[in-house]
């Protein structure tokens, strides 16, 4: 792991890490939870209200089905997130090199290389374990905090906060 500030005081980190399957699952779950907040609340509420309405008008079978759907929806959503995470493991749980600069970051593995510029991201959500990067309302990337030293984490928290405050993210 190499970290440094260049002479101009600009951020420039190059780190190496490998994600675990559990980390990928937690990051995707957290990102989807934020991304689908309205859906997670609206769908069970609509199903429950519709189910109660059906019960009140003696459509018992339909009402019970909708109430069951309201109860099961969060579990189905969580199952879907785990399934999505499993499909991504082959690509994400590999040795990775990340170069982080003031302009963006470059993500490199033996299988791929991706460069992302900061203006693409509308917001960054900081959690105790990850930075979740959003394009619009979609969580499109995450950076594991454990890959950075505590000093780098503090610097990146400040970097993201300053960019969001200035409207640059």
N, C-alpha and C. Protein backbone atom coordinates (compact mmCIF):
# COMPACT_ATOMS: atom_id res chain seq x y z
N UNK A 1 0.85 -1.18 0.00
CA UNK A 1 0.00 0.00 0.00
C UNK A 1 0.89 1.23 0.00
N UNK A 2 0.63 2.16 -0.90
CA UNK A 2 1.38 3.39 -0.99
C UNK A 2 0.40 4.54 -0.90
N UNK A 3 0.72 5.54 -0.10
CA UNK A 3 -0.15 6.71 -0.01
C UNK A 3 0.71 7.95 0.07
N UNK A 4 0.30 9.01 -0.59
CA UNK A 4 1.06 10.24 -0.52
C UNK A 4 0.22 11.40 -1.00
N UNK A 5 0.63 12.59 -0.62
CA UNK A 5 0.10 13.82 -1.18
C UNK A 5 1.17 14.36 -2.09
N UNK A 6 0.79 14.78 -3.28
CA UNK A 6 1.81 15.35 -4.16
C UNK A 6 2.18 16.76 -3.68
N UNK A 7 3.12 17.39 -4.35
CA UNK A 7 3.64 18.68 -3.89
C UNK A 7 2.57 19.76 -3.81
N UNK A 8 1.53 19.68 -4.63
CA UNK A 8 0.47 20.68 -4.63
C UNK A 8 -0.58 20.44 -3.56
N UNK A 9 -0.40 19.43 -2.70
CA UNK A 9 -1.36 19.14 -1.66
C UNK A 9 -2.58 18.39 -2.17
N UNK A 10 -2.47 17.87 -3.37
CA UNK A 10 -3.60 17.15 -3.95
C UNK A 10 -3.59 15.70 -3.48
N UNK A 11 -4.77 15.10 -3.44
CA UNK A 11 -4.90 13.72 -3.02
C UNK A 11 -4.38 12.80 -4.12
N UNK A 12 -3.57 11.83 -3.74
CA UNK A 12 -3.10 10.82 -4.69
C UNK A 12 -2.72 9.57 -3.90
N UNK A 13 -3.59 8.56 -3.91
CA UNK A 13 -3.36 7.31 -3.20
C UNK A 13 -3.33 6.17 -4.21
N UNK A 14 -2.46 5.23 -3.97
CA UNK A 14 -2.52 3.97 -4.69
C UNK A 14 -2.51 2.88 -3.64
N UNK A 15 -3.54 2.04 -3.66
CA UNK A 15 -3.66 0.99 -2.66
C UNK A 15 -3.96 -0.33 -3.35
N UNK A 16 -3.68 -1.41 -2.64
CA UNK A 16 -4.00 -2.74 -3.12
C UNK A 16 -4.80 -3.45 -2.05
N UNK A 17 -5.84 -4.16 -2.47
CA UNK A 17 -6.68 -4.89 -1.53
C UNK A 17 -7.42 -5.99 -2.26
N UNK A 18 -8.07 -6.86 -1.50
CA UNK A 18 -8.94 -7.88 -2.07
C UNK A 18 -10.17 -7.98 -1.18
N UNK A 19 -11.33 -7.80 -1.79
CA UNK A 19 -12.58 -7.87 -1.05
C UNK A 19 -12.92 -9.32 -0.70
N UNK A 20 -13.62 -9.49 0.41
CA UNK A 20 -14.14 -10.81 0.77
C UNK A 20 -15.59 -10.90 0.30
N UNK A 21 -16.11 -12.11 0.11
CA UNK A 21 -17.52 -12.25 -0.26
C UNK A 21 -18.47 -11.57 0.73
N UNK A 22 -18.16 -11.66 2.01
CA UNK A 22 -19.01 -11.01 3.02
C UNK A 22 -19.02 -9.49 2.85
N UNK A 23 -17.86 -8.91 2.56
CA UNK A 23 -17.80 -7.46 2.35
C UNK A 23 -18.63 -7.04 1.14
N UNK A 24 -18.53 -7.78 0.06
CA UNK A 24 -19.32 -7.46 -1.13
C UNK A 24 -20.81 -7.51 -0.79
N UNK A 25 -21.21 -8.55 -0.08
CA UNK A 25 -22.61 -8.68 0.31
C UNK A 25 -23.08 -7.53 1.17
N UNK A 26 -22.27 -7.14 2.15
CA UNK A 26 -22.65 -6.03 3.03
C UNK A 26 -22.71 -4.71 2.27
N UNK A 27 -21.75 -4.48 1.39
CA UNK A 27 -21.74 -3.22 0.63
C UNK A 27 -22.93 -3.14 -0.31
N UNK A 28 -23.21 -4.21 -1.03
CA UNK A 28 -24.35 -4.20 -1.95
C UNK A 28 -25.67 -4.08 -1.19
N UNK A 29 -25.76 -4.77 -0.06
CA UNK A 29 -26.98 -4.67 0.76
C UNK A 29 -27.19 -3.24 1.24
N UNK A 30 -26.14 -2.63 1.73
CA UNK A 30 -26.24 -1.26 2.24
C UNK A 30 -26.58 -0.28 1.11
N UNK A 31 -25.92 -0.45 -0.04
CA UNK A 31 -26.19 0.42 -1.18
C UNK A 31 -27.62 0.27 -1.69
N UNK A 32 -28.09 -0.97 -1.81
CA UNK A 32 -29.46 -1.20 -2.26
C UNK A 32 -30.47 -0.68 -1.24
N UNK A 33 -30.13 -0.83 0.02
CA UNK A 33 -31.03 -0.34 1.07
C UNK A 33 -31.25 1.17 0.93
N UNK A 34 -30.19 1.90 0.68
CA UNK A 34 -30.30 3.35 0.47
C UNK A 34 -30.97 3.67 -0.87
N UNK A 35 -30.59 2.92 -1.89
CA UNK A 35 -31.10 3.16 -3.24
C UNK A 35 -32.60 2.90 -3.33
N UNK A 36 -33.06 1.87 -2.64
CA UNK A 36 -34.46 1.44 -2.75
C UNK A 36 -35.29 1.82 -1.53
N UNK A 37 -34.88 2.84 -0.82
CA UNK A 37 -35.57 3.24 0.41
C UNK A 37 -37.06 3.45 0.18
N UNK A 38 -37.43 4.18 -0.85
CA UNK A 38 -38.85 4.46 -1.11
C UNK A 38 -39.60 3.18 -1.45
N UNK A 39 -38.99 2.32 -2.26
CA UNK A 39 -39.63 1.06 -2.63
C UNK A 39 -39.81 0.17 -1.40
N UNK A 40 -38.78 0.11 -0.55
CA UNK A 40 -38.85 -0.73 0.65
C UNK A 40 -39.99 -0.32 1.57
N UNK A 41 -40.31 0.97 1.57
CA UNK A 41 -41.40 1.45 2.42
C UNK A 41 -42.74 1.42 1.69
N UNK A 42 -42.76 1.81 0.43
CA UNK A 42 -44.02 1.97 -0.30
C UNK A 42 -44.69 0.64 -0.64
N UNK A 43 -43.95 -0.33 -1.14
CA UNK A 43 -44.56 -1.58 -1.59
C UNK A 43 -45.26 -2.32 -0.44
N UNK A 44 -44.59 -2.56 0.70
CA UNK A 44 -45.31 -3.24 1.79
C UNK A 44 -46.51 -2.43 2.30
N UNK A 45 -46.38 -1.11 2.32
CA UNK A 45 -47.50 -0.27 2.78
C UNK A 45 -48.69 -0.40 1.83
N UNK A 46 -48.42 -0.31 0.54
CA UNK A 46 -49.49 -0.43 -0.45
C UNK A 46 -50.13 -1.82 -0.38
N UNK A 47 -49.31 -2.85 -0.25
CA UNK A 47 -49.85 -4.21 -0.14
C UNK A 47 -50.70 -4.37 1.11
N UNK A 48 -50.22 -3.83 2.23
CA UNK A 48 -50.97 -3.96 3.49
C UNK A 48 -52.30 -3.22 3.42
N UNK A 49 -52.29 -2.00 2.93
CA UNK A 49 -53.53 -1.21 2.83
C UNK A 49 -54.51 -1.89 1.86
N UNK A 50 -53.97 -2.36 0.73
CA UNK A 50 -54.83 -3.05 -0.24
C UNK A 50 -55.38 -4.35 0.35
N UNK A 51 -54.55 -5.06 1.09
CA UNK A 51 -54.99 -6.31 1.72
C UNK A 51 -56.10 -6.08 2.73
N UNK A 52 -55.94 -5.05 3.55
CA UNK A 52 -56.98 -4.72 4.53
C UNK A 52 -58.26 -4.30 3.83
N UNK A 53 -58.13 -3.52 2.76
CA UNK A 53 -59.30 -3.10 1.99
C UNK A 53 -60.02 -4.32 1.42
N UNK A 54 -59.25 -5.25 0.87
CA UNK A 54 -59.86 -6.47 0.32
C UNK A 54 -60.59 -7.27 1.40
N UNK A 55 -59.97 -7.36 2.58
CA UNK A 55 -60.63 -8.08 3.69
C UNK A 55 -61.94 -7.40 4.08
N UNK A 56 -61.95 -6.08 4.06
CA UNK A 56 -63.16 -5.33 4.43
C UNK A 56 -64.29 -5.50 3.42
N UNK A 57 -63.95 -5.79 2.16
CA UNK A 57 -64.99 -5.98 1.15
C UNK A 57 -65.20 -7.47 0.86
N UNK A 58 -64.78 -8.31 1.78
CA UNK A 58 -64.96 -9.76 1.72
C UNK A 58 -64.24 -10.46 0.58
N UNK A 59 -63.14 -9.90 0.10
CA UNK A 59 -62.27 -10.59 -0.86
C UNK A 59 -61.14 -11.21 -0.04
N UNK A 60 -61.51 -12.23 0.74
CA UNK A 60 -60.62 -12.80 1.75
C UNK A 60 -59.32 -13.35 1.13
N UNK A 61 -59.43 -14.15 0.10
CA UNK A 61 -58.23 -14.75 -0.51
C UNK A 61 -57.24 -13.71 -1.01
N UNK A 62 -57.76 -12.72 -1.71
CA UNK A 62 -56.90 -11.66 -2.23
C UNK A 62 -56.30 -10.83 -1.10
N UNK A 63 -57.11 -10.53 -0.08
CA UNK A 63 -56.63 -9.76 1.07
C UNK A 63 -55.52 -10.46 1.81
N UNK A 64 -55.71 -11.76 2.07
CA UNK A 64 -54.69 -12.54 2.77
C UNK A 64 -53.42 -12.60 1.93
N UNK A 65 -53.56 -12.77 0.61
CA UNK A 65 -52.40 -12.81 -0.27
C UNK A 65 -51.61 -11.51 -0.25
N UNK A 66 -52.33 -10.39 -0.26
CA UNK A 66 -51.65 -9.09 -0.23
C UNK A 66 -50.97 -8.85 1.12
N UNK A 67 -51.60 -9.24 2.20
CA UNK A 67 -50.98 -9.09 3.52
C UNK A 67 -49.73 -9.99 3.62
N UNK A 68 -49.82 -11.19 3.08
CA UNK A 68 -48.65 -12.08 3.07
C UNK A 68 -47.52 -11.46 2.23
N UNK A 69 -47.90 -10.86 1.10
CA UNK A 69 -46.90 -10.19 0.26
C UNK A 69 -46.23 -9.04 0.98
N UNK A 70 -47.00 -8.30 1.77
CA UNK A 70 -46.43 -7.18 2.54
C UNK A 70 -45.41 -7.68 3.55
N UNK A 71 -45.69 -8.82 4.16
CA UNK A 71 -44.77 -9.40 5.15
C UNK A 71 -43.54 -9.98 4.47
N UNK A 72 -43.74 -10.65 3.34
CA UNK A 72 -42.64 -11.34 2.66
C UNK A 72 -41.75 -10.42 1.83
N UNK A 73 -42.25 -9.27 1.42
CA UNK A 73 -41.50 -8.39 0.53
C UNK A 73 -40.09 -8.06 1.03
N UNK A 74 -39.90 -7.66 2.30
CA UNK A 74 -38.53 -7.36 2.74
C UNK A 74 -37.59 -8.56 2.64
N UNK A 75 -38.10 -9.76 2.90
CA UNK A 75 -37.27 -10.96 2.81
C UNK A 75 -36.89 -11.27 1.36
N UNK A 76 -37.83 -11.08 0.46
CA UNK A 76 -37.56 -11.30 -0.97
C UNK A 76 -36.54 -10.28 -1.47
N UNK A 77 -36.66 -9.05 -1.03
CA UNK A 77 -35.71 -8.02 -1.42
C UNK A 77 -34.30 -8.35 -0.93
N UNK A 78 -34.19 -8.80 0.32
CA UNK A 78 -32.89 -9.18 0.88
C UNK A 78 -32.31 -10.38 0.13
N UNK A 79 -33.14 -11.35 -0.19
CA UNK A 79 -32.70 -12.52 -0.94
C UNK A 79 -32.18 -12.11 -2.31
N UNK A 80 -32.88 -11.19 -2.95
CA UNK A 80 -32.45 -10.69 -4.26
C UNK A 80 -31.09 -10.01 -4.17
N UNK A 81 -30.88 -9.24 -3.11
CA UNK A 81 -29.59 -8.56 -2.93
C UNK A 81 -28.47 -9.58 -2.74
N UNK A 82 -28.72 -10.63 -1.96
CA UNK A 82 -27.70 -11.67 -1.78
C UNK A 82 -27.39 -12.38 -3.10
N UNK A 83 -28.41 -12.62 -3.87
CA UNK A 83 -28.23 -13.28 -5.16
C UNK A 83 -27.42 -12.41 -6.12
N UNK A 84 -27.71 -11.11 -6.12
CA UNK A 84 -26.94 -10.16 -6.92
C UNK A 84 -25.48 -10.16 -6.48
N UNK A 85 -25.25 -10.16 -5.17
CA UNK A 85 -23.88 -10.16 -4.65
C UNK A 85 -23.13 -11.41 -5.09
N UNK A 86 -23.78 -12.56 -5.04
CA UNK A 86 -23.11 -13.81 -5.45
C UNK A 86 -22.66 -13.76 -6.90
N UNK A 87 -23.48 -13.15 -7.76
CA UNK A 87 -23.11 -13.06 -9.18
C UNK A 87 -21.92 -12.13 -9.39
N UNK A 88 -21.70 -11.18 -8.50
CA UNK A 88 -20.62 -10.21 -8.64
C UNK A 88 -19.30 -10.68 -8.03
N UNK A 89 -19.32 -11.74 -7.21
CA UNK A 89 -18.13 -12.16 -6.48
C UNK A 89 -16.95 -12.46 -7.39
N UNK A 90 -17.19 -13.10 -8.51
CA UNK A 90 -16.11 -13.47 -9.43
C UNK A 90 -15.33 -12.24 -9.89
N UNK A 91 -16.01 -11.12 -10.02
CA UNK A 91 -15.39 -9.90 -10.53
C UNK A 91 -14.85 -9.00 -9.43
N UNK A 92 -15.43 -9.10 -8.23
CA UNK A 92 -15.07 -8.16 -7.17
C UNK A 92 -14.10 -8.74 -6.14
N UNK A 93 -14.09 -10.04 -5.94
CA UNK A 93 -13.23 -10.65 -4.92
C UNK A 93 -11.92 -11.13 -5.55
N UNK A 94 -11.21 -10.19 -6.11
CA UNK A 94 -9.92 -10.46 -6.75
C UNK A 94 -8.94 -9.38 -6.30
N UNK A 95 -7.63 -9.66 -6.42
CA UNK A 95 -6.67 -8.60 -6.09
C UNK A 95 -6.94 -7.35 -6.92
N UNK A 96 -7.02 -6.23 -6.25
CA UNK A 96 -7.42 -4.97 -6.87
C UNK A 96 -6.43 -3.87 -6.53
N UNK A 97 -6.14 -3.04 -7.51
CA UNK A 97 -5.33 -1.84 -7.29
C UNK A 97 -6.24 -0.65 -7.55
N UNK A 98 -6.24 0.26 -6.61
CA UNK A 98 -7.08 1.45 -6.71
C UNK A 98 -6.19 2.68 -6.62
N UNK A 99 -6.28 3.52 -7.63
CA UNK A 99 -5.57 4.80 -7.59
C UNK A 99 -6.62 5.89 -7.46
N UNK A 100 -6.50 6.65 -6.44
CA UNK A 100 -7.47 7.67 -6.06
C UNK A 100 -6.81 9.03 -6.19
N UNK A 101 -7.39 9.94 -7.00
CA UNK A 101 -6.82 11.27 -7.18
C UNK A 101 -7.91 12.32 -7.03
N UNK A 102 -7.54 13.58 -7.12
CA UNK A 102 -8.51 14.67 -7.07
C UNK A 102 -9.50 14.61 -8.24
N UNK A 103 -9.09 14.02 -9.36
CA UNK A 103 -9.95 13.96 -10.54
C UNK A 103 -10.94 12.80 -10.52
N UNK A 104 -10.57 11.70 -9.87
CA UNK A 104 -11.41 10.51 -9.85
C UNK A 104 -10.63 9.33 -9.31
N UNK A 105 -11.05 8.13 -9.70
CA UNK A 105 -10.29 6.97 -9.28
C UNK A 105 -10.21 5.96 -10.41
N UNK A 106 -9.16 5.15 -10.36
CA UNK A 106 -8.95 4.09 -11.33
C UNK A 106 -8.94 2.77 -10.57
N UNK A 107 -9.77 1.85 -11.01
CA UNK A 107 -9.95 0.54 -10.40
C UNK A 107 -9.37 -0.47 -11.37
N UNK A 108 -8.38 -1.26 -10.93
CA UNK A 108 -7.70 -2.16 -11.84
C UNK A 108 -7.56 -3.56 -11.22
N UNK A 109 -7.97 -4.56 -12.01
CA UNK A 109 -7.75 -5.96 -11.64
C UNK A 109 -7.11 -6.65 -12.84
N UNK A 110 -6.83 -7.95 -12.71
CA UNK A 110 -6.30 -8.70 -13.86
C UNK A 110 -7.34 -8.80 -14.96
N UNK A 111 -8.62 -8.68 -14.60
CA UNK A 111 -9.70 -8.85 -15.57
C UNK A 111 -10.20 -7.54 -16.18
N UNK A 112 -10.01 -6.42 -15.48
CA UNK A 112 -10.59 -5.18 -15.98
C UNK A 112 -9.85 -3.95 -15.46
N UNK A 113 -10.14 -2.83 -16.10
CA UNK A 113 -9.64 -1.54 -15.65
C UNK A 113 -10.75 -0.52 -15.91
N UNK A 114 -11.06 0.26 -14.91
CA UNK A 114 -12.12 1.25 -15.02
C UNK A 114 -11.65 2.56 -14.43
N UNK A 115 -11.91 3.65 -15.12
CA UNK A 115 -11.61 4.97 -14.60
C UNK A 115 -12.92 5.72 -14.43
N UNK A 116 -13.12 6.28 -13.25
CA UNK A 116 -14.34 7.03 -12.94
C UNK A 116 -13.93 8.44 -12.51
N UNK A 117 -14.58 9.45 -13.05
CA UNK A 117 -14.32 10.85 -12.69
C UNK A 117 -15.35 11.30 -11.66
N UNK A 118 -14.94 12.12 -10.72
CA UNK A 118 -15.82 12.55 -9.61
C UNK A 118 -17.09 13.25 -10.07
N UNK A 119 -17.09 14.04 -11.15
CA UNK A 119 -18.35 14.68 -11.55
C UNK A 119 -19.48 13.69 -11.89
N UNK A 120 -19.13 12.45 -12.18
CA UNK A 120 -20.14 11.44 -12.47
C UNK A 120 -21.01 11.14 -11.25
N UNK A 121 -20.44 11.24 -10.06
CA UNK A 121 -21.13 10.84 -8.84
C UNK A 121 -21.90 12.01 -8.24
N UNK A 122 -23.17 11.77 -7.95
CA UNK A 122 -24.02 12.80 -7.36
C UNK A 122 -23.86 12.90 -5.85
N UNK A 123 -23.50 11.78 -5.24
CA UNK A 123 -23.28 11.82 -3.78
C UNK A 123 -22.44 10.63 -3.36
N UNK A 124 -21.82 10.80 -2.20
CA UNK A 124 -21.04 9.74 -1.57
C UNK A 124 -21.57 9.60 -0.16
N UNK A 125 -21.96 8.37 0.19
CA UNK A 125 -22.45 8.09 1.53
C UNK A 125 -21.33 7.37 2.28
N UNK A 126 -20.98 7.92 3.42
CA UNK A 126 -19.92 7.35 4.23
C UNK A 126 -20.55 6.47 5.31
N UNK A 127 -20.12 5.21 5.38
CA UNK A 127 -20.56 4.30 6.42
C UNK A 127 -19.32 3.88 7.21
N UNK A 128 -19.48 3.20 8.32
CA UNK A 128 -18.30 2.76 9.08
C UNK A 128 -17.40 1.80 8.28
N UNK A 129 -17.96 1.11 7.30
CA UNK A 129 -17.19 0.11 6.57
C UNK A 129 -16.84 0.50 5.13
N UNK A 130 -17.66 1.36 4.52
CA UNK A 130 -17.49 1.69 3.09
C UNK A 130 -17.79 3.15 2.81
N UNK A 131 -17.33 3.59 1.63
CA UNK A 131 -17.85 4.79 1.00
C UNK A 131 -18.71 4.26 -0.15
N UNK A 132 -19.97 4.62 -0.19
CA UNK A 132 -20.88 4.21 -1.25
C UNK A 132 -21.02 5.36 -2.23
N UNK A 133 -20.76 5.12 -3.50
CA UNK A 133 -20.76 6.16 -4.52
C UNK A 133 -22.01 6.02 -5.39
N UNK A 134 -22.77 7.11 -5.51
CA UNK A 134 -24.04 7.09 -6.22
C UNK A 134 -23.99 7.90 -7.50
N UNK A 135 -24.53 7.32 -8.57
CA UNK A 135 -24.79 8.03 -9.81
C UNK A 135 -26.30 8.17 -9.86
N UNK A 136 -26.78 9.40 -9.75
CA UNK A 136 -28.21 9.61 -9.59
C UNK A 136 -28.64 8.99 -8.27
N UNK A 137 -29.64 8.14 -8.31
CA UNK A 137 -30.09 7.46 -7.08
C UNK A 137 -29.56 6.04 -6.99
N UNK A 138 -28.70 5.66 -7.92
CA UNK A 138 -28.20 4.29 -7.98
C UNK A 138 -26.81 4.18 -7.37
N UNK A 139 -26.66 3.26 -6.44
CA UNK A 139 -25.35 2.98 -5.87
C UNK A 139 -24.56 2.22 -6.92
N UNK A 140 -23.51 2.85 -7.43
CA UNK A 140 -22.79 2.25 -8.55
C UNK A 140 -21.38 1.77 -8.20
N UNK A 141 -20.88 2.12 -7.02
CA UNK A 141 -19.55 1.68 -6.62
C UNK A 141 -19.41 1.81 -5.11
N UNK A 142 -18.42 1.13 -4.59
CA UNK A 142 -18.10 1.28 -3.17
C UNK A 142 -16.61 1.09 -2.97
N UNK A 143 -16.11 1.78 -1.96
CA UNK A 143 -14.70 1.68 -1.60
C UNK A 143 -14.61 1.18 -0.17
N UNK A 144 -13.85 0.13 0.10
CA UNK A 144 -13.74 -0.40 1.46
C UNK A 144 -12.81 0.46 2.31
N UNK A 145 -13.29 0.92 3.45
CA UNK A 145 -12.47 1.74 4.34
C UNK A 145 -11.23 1.00 4.82
N UNK A 146 -11.35 -0.30 5.04
CA UNK A 146 -10.23 -1.06 5.62
C UNK A 146 -9.00 -1.06 4.72
N UNK A 147 -9.18 -0.74 3.44
CA UNK A 147 -8.05 -0.70 2.51
C UNK A 147 -7.17 0.53 2.73
N UNK A 148 -7.70 1.52 3.48
CA UNK A 148 -6.99 2.76 3.72
C UNK A 148 -6.54 2.86 5.18
N UNK A 149 -5.44 3.54 5.41
CA UNK A 149 -5.02 3.80 6.78
C UNK A 149 -5.99 4.78 7.42
N UNK A 150 -5.94 4.92 8.73
CA UNK A 150 -6.85 5.85 9.41
C UNK A 150 -6.60 7.29 8.95
N UNK A 151 -5.35 7.64 8.67
CA UNK A 151 -5.04 8.98 8.18
C UNK A 151 -5.65 9.19 6.79
N UNK A 152 -5.53 8.19 5.93
CA UNK A 152 -6.11 8.29 4.59
C UNK A 152 -7.64 8.38 4.68
N UNK A 153 -8.24 7.60 5.57
CA UNK A 153 -9.69 7.64 5.74
C UNK A 153 -10.15 9.04 6.14
N UNK A 154 -9.45 9.64 7.09
CA UNK A 154 -9.81 10.99 7.52
C UNK A 154 -9.65 11.98 6.37
N UNK A 155 -8.59 11.84 5.61
CA UNK A 155 -8.36 12.73 4.47
C UNK A 155 -9.45 12.55 3.41
N UNK A 156 -9.83 11.30 3.14
CA UNK A 156 -10.87 11.05 2.15
C UNK A 156 -12.24 11.52 2.64
N UNK A 157 -12.52 11.35 3.93
CA UNK A 157 -13.78 11.88 4.48
C UNK A 157 -13.84 13.39 4.26
N UNK A 158 -12.73 14.08 4.54
CA UNK A 158 -12.67 15.52 4.32
C UNK A 158 -12.79 15.88 2.84
N UNK A 159 -12.14 15.11 2.00
CA UNK A 159 -12.19 15.32 0.56
C UNK A 159 -13.63 15.21 0.05
N UNK A 160 -14.31 14.12 0.43
CA UNK A 160 -15.70 13.93 -0.01
C UNK A 160 -16.63 15.01 0.55
N UNK A 161 -16.45 15.33 1.81
CA UNK A 161 -17.30 16.36 2.43
C UNK A 161 -17.12 17.71 1.73
N UNK A 162 -15.88 18.08 1.44
CA UNK A 162 -15.61 19.36 0.78
C UNK A 162 -16.20 19.38 -0.64
N UNK A 163 -16.08 18.28 -1.36
CA UNK A 163 -16.62 18.21 -2.72
C UNK A 163 -18.15 18.25 -2.71
N UNK A 164 -18.77 17.58 -1.74
CA UNK A 164 -20.23 17.61 -1.68
C UNK A 164 -20.74 18.98 -1.26
N UNK A 165 -20.03 19.60 -0.34
CA UNK A 165 -20.42 20.94 0.11
C UNK A 165 -20.32 21.95 -1.05
N UNK A 166 -19.29 21.77 -1.87
CA UNK A 166 -19.09 22.69 -3.01
C UNK A 166 -19.95 22.31 -4.21
N UNK A 167 -20.69 21.18 -4.09
CA UNK A 167 -21.54 20.76 -5.19
C UNK A 167 -20.77 20.08 -6.30
N UNK A 168 -19.52 19.68 -6.01
CA UNK A 168 -18.69 19.06 -7.03
C UNK A 168 -18.96 17.56 -7.14
N UNK A 169 -19.72 16.99 -6.21
CA UNK A 169 -20.11 15.57 -6.30
C UNK A 169 -21.58 15.50 -6.58
